[in-house]
Amino acid sequence: MAPPATGTWPRTTVLVALAAVAAGLAALPVLAPAGLSRHAGPLLAGATTLIVGVLVHRHSRRPGAVSPGVWRTFAVITALVGAGQLIRGVTGAGVNPQTGGPADVALAATAPLALVLWYLLARAAGGRASLQVALDGAVALIALGVLVEVVLPAVAPRAAGADRLLTSGYPAASAVLVAVGLVTLASVGPARRRAAGWLLLALGALAVTLTSGSIAAAEPAAGWDALTAVAYVAGLAATTLALDADPGPGTDEDADPVVTPLAGVLVSYCLAFGVVLLLLAGWAGGRPISVLEAVATGVLLAATLARTLLWAADATRLTRQVLRAEAYFRTLVHSAADITIVLDQRGAITWASGAGKGPAAWAARDLEGRPLLDFVHPEDRADLVRVLAAADLDDPSGRSFRLRTRDGGWRPFEPVRVIPSEALHAAPEGAPRGAARGGNGLVLHLRDVDDRRSGELELERLAYTDYLTGLPNRARLMAALAGARSRAAAGEAGCLLLLDLDGFKAVNDVAGHEAGDLLLIEVADRLRATVRDRDLVGRLGGDEFAVVVRGGLSEATALAERVVTELAGVHRAVPTPGADPDLVFDVSCSIGVTALDPVDEVAVTIRSADLALRAAKAAGKGCVRRHGEAADSATGRRTRLARDLPDALARGELRLEYQPVVGTVERRVLGVEALLRWDHPVLGPVPPAEFVPLAEDDGLIVPLQRWVLEQATAELAGLLRQGRDLQLGVNISVRHLQSGSLVPDVAAALARSGLPPRRLMLEVTESLFLGQPDRADGDLQTLHDMGCVISLDDFGRGYSTFAHLTRLPVDVLKMDREFLAGIEADERSAALVHTVIELGRRLSIDVVAEGVETPGELAALQVLGCRYLQGHLLGGPVGPEGLAAVIDSFDATLLDGEPAAAGGR
């Protein structure tokens, strides 16, 4: 067995060959003798048919053949037809024989195979031939039969005496074939409509062949032979084209329901009414209507009426479905949150649904026929045009635009989807050409985003607003700085001010966080009133604020100085509920100023302003510094100290010095205060006022003070073992108390050194008591109960109040140096110091005067009755190696200086 042929159907080659055969068969009856043509014509037709059949059979066996059963059935039909033609050629019956013969047996056998072929095609299409299609086929069949019965005798009058098989059987068969073709065309889906059309053409050509053959049997003529041959070959060619166009049984047509083509309906109706008109015309001309023709016409009209009633019933049913679907659709669309707008070729609204809710919404009839752009805000029309002209209409890019409401307001809408509509044409007026793909119109699906936009604006406001002060927060400031940087790149000068409040921590510690919040609100209000309208003021966090200034460095510096002046007295304007009304806070602000450089990133600009702010704080309270004005050196020193402090203790750079405290009655050194010192290997001696705050900020103060306690108690214990009667004073940080480890650290130091607790005096500031009252009443009372002496350091500076002395475990008051200023000449200062000393005597609290520098101060304090003195006049700080010598060599005659009249007395 030969291998199957490969490749596609050779359509062009076959059609050209068939055209040549048709031309030869048409010319043969005219050019060849009658005897030759009667043999040659059928032989040529038969050979051609067999060759086509072989090609079809080979094509049906190729891999992946489409509808192989259809192709093989066609191959069998061609074999039978070819055999019949060959028999006619051998017997000399000719293309159109006058009598029946053996060839007609083979040709008659093709009729049932033709029905099988139609069945295979219909089954490949799903077998979905409806009753309407069957009626159309019946109408066509009856009409064609009547036409043959009427027309054939008129064309061939002698057909009545000829062979009835040829003159009546073949025309009847042609009517059946055409009816089969019509039914096939009506029963297949769109995917096979092209193949069915070729099949109808093939069956029509075969009907012409049979009809012309029946006429030639009664009226022999060369013309009828030529027509028969050409129609035969044309039918053969159309059949091959039909089979070639068939998509095969695997085609999925479930998504495309079969609908009877209008052409099939028109053909059936035209045939039916054509038969009626033809019979009436013949009757009017004197031709009688036979009983068979009358019955056939009646059946034909009845079938046509039934077909019409079915169409009416289908129309009624479909109308109800359409109305029901439309009602569902309208209910769904009009109740949806989204709205839909359909535009015509001029950009006008042809249909709108869900066009808004409420009294301000448009009615759909008010929108239809009007251009959409008339309802769009002028500033948003360009966005709408870009949405409609987008290359991907399913992606409107998240743009929104405002539509005018009935009351003249504007409401924002967001395009959800923009799709072309095949029922419309072109894009809205003003949109670029090609906005609607394929020349179709547009359907816009819009979402009302007014409520969502309001929520988004509120969320945006919350996201970019400080909750306490109502000022822009850090995120908003970052965005403003980015915009100012862009403007600076365009030539517009800009600056940044960074503000930090001085003394704010004391407000929180003393008066509480509520007072601190009130202070921040007052600062925000004053900043709003001070800065210009074009400047942006915001809060970075805590007590830090920032101002983005639209102007040069000189304008920004002048504004910073005005802010410093305005905030100088802010603490006096803040009511503090529940706090002592006599509290006075020394609150000011320091400001760093830097110019915006478009080359620098926003983070660099903030860093520059922060450097300037640090320089301002290093210079003192209420200062303004520009970036570059000693900012680098001051900040560099601070950065270096913060970096080196954690390892300073391990490197042995920290040490203790001790300053004597002298008793005027005992006339000797009664105690010493331990003072921490840092000898930096590069920067030299660093004062405690500079590195202790760094230790507190960086969380190093607790281990640092733990070392001080252990070192100082051990060194004093050594002096006690040598027979000296001394007391040790150690300064305690508020952070140490807050850590909760002060009591165990003191107990551990005393245990390791063997120092009696009564020899240890813990010096704390009043802010520690007021900021942590629970901790002060707890841990400090515990230390006092252990025997330690509690000293209130720096009394008279800041926020002193006598009311706390009655409840706190205070044994010693140390008056600050600033408290003693002017005591020699100022009666009021002397009176105040005398009051403190007298208060201490009445409360059994010892009073120590710090910072005694001059003999006049010494004499005045003695006159006022102060028993304990400390200062450089009586002895400066000294290391542990020289402390014993200083104590032993104290010159008591220093206390015998010339007495001074305190306060000028």
Foldseek 3Di string as FASTA:
>chain_A
DDAADDDAQPLVVLVVVLVVLLVCQLCPLVPDDLQQQLQVNLLSLLVSLLVVLVSLLSQLRYPPRFLSVLSPLSSQLSNLLSVLSNVRNVVSCGLQHLEDDPSVVSNVVCLVSVVVSLVSLLVLQVVQQDPLLVLLLLLQLLLQLLCLVPVLCVLQVQLVVTYCCQQPVLLNSLSNLLSSLLSSCQRHFPQLNVLSVLSNLLSNLSSLLSNLSNSCSRVPDSNSSSSNSNSNSSSVSSNVVSSSSDRHSPDDCPVTDRDGDPVSVVVSVCSLVVLVVVQVVVVVVPHDQDPVSVVSNVVSVVSVVVSVVVVVVVVVVVVVVVVVVVVVVQVVAQPDQKKKFWAAAAQATQFIHVQDDDPQGDDGVVRGPHHQVVFWDPVCVVLVLCQLQPPAQQCSPFDWTWGATNVGDTFIKTWNGKAFDQVHFHEHPPHDGCSHPPRGTIMTIIGGCRVVVVVVVVVVLVVQADPLQRAGEPVVVLVVLVVVLVVVVVPFKKKKKKKAKPQLVLCCLFLNVVLSSQLLNLLSVLLVVQDDPVKGKYAHDDRMIMIIGRHHQVVVQVSLLVSQVSQQPSQLVGDRPPHDPPFDTRMTMEMEMEIRDSVDRPVVSVVQRVLQRQVRVVVHGSGYGYRPPCSCVSVVVLVVLLVCVVCQVVVVQKAWWWFFKAFLVVLATAAIEIAIWGQDPPPGTDHCVRCVVSCVVVVNNQVVLLVVLLVVLQLVLVVVVVPDRYAYEYEDDLVNLVVVCPQVSNVVSCVVNVHQQLRYEYEYEVSSCSSCVVSQLPSVVVSVVSNHAYEHEQPPPHGDDPVVVVPGRHQEYEHHPVLQPPQQAAPVSVVVVLVVCVVCVVVNHQYEYEADDDLSSLLSCVVSPRGMYTHVLQNDIDGSVCPVVCRVPGDSCSSVDDHGDTNND
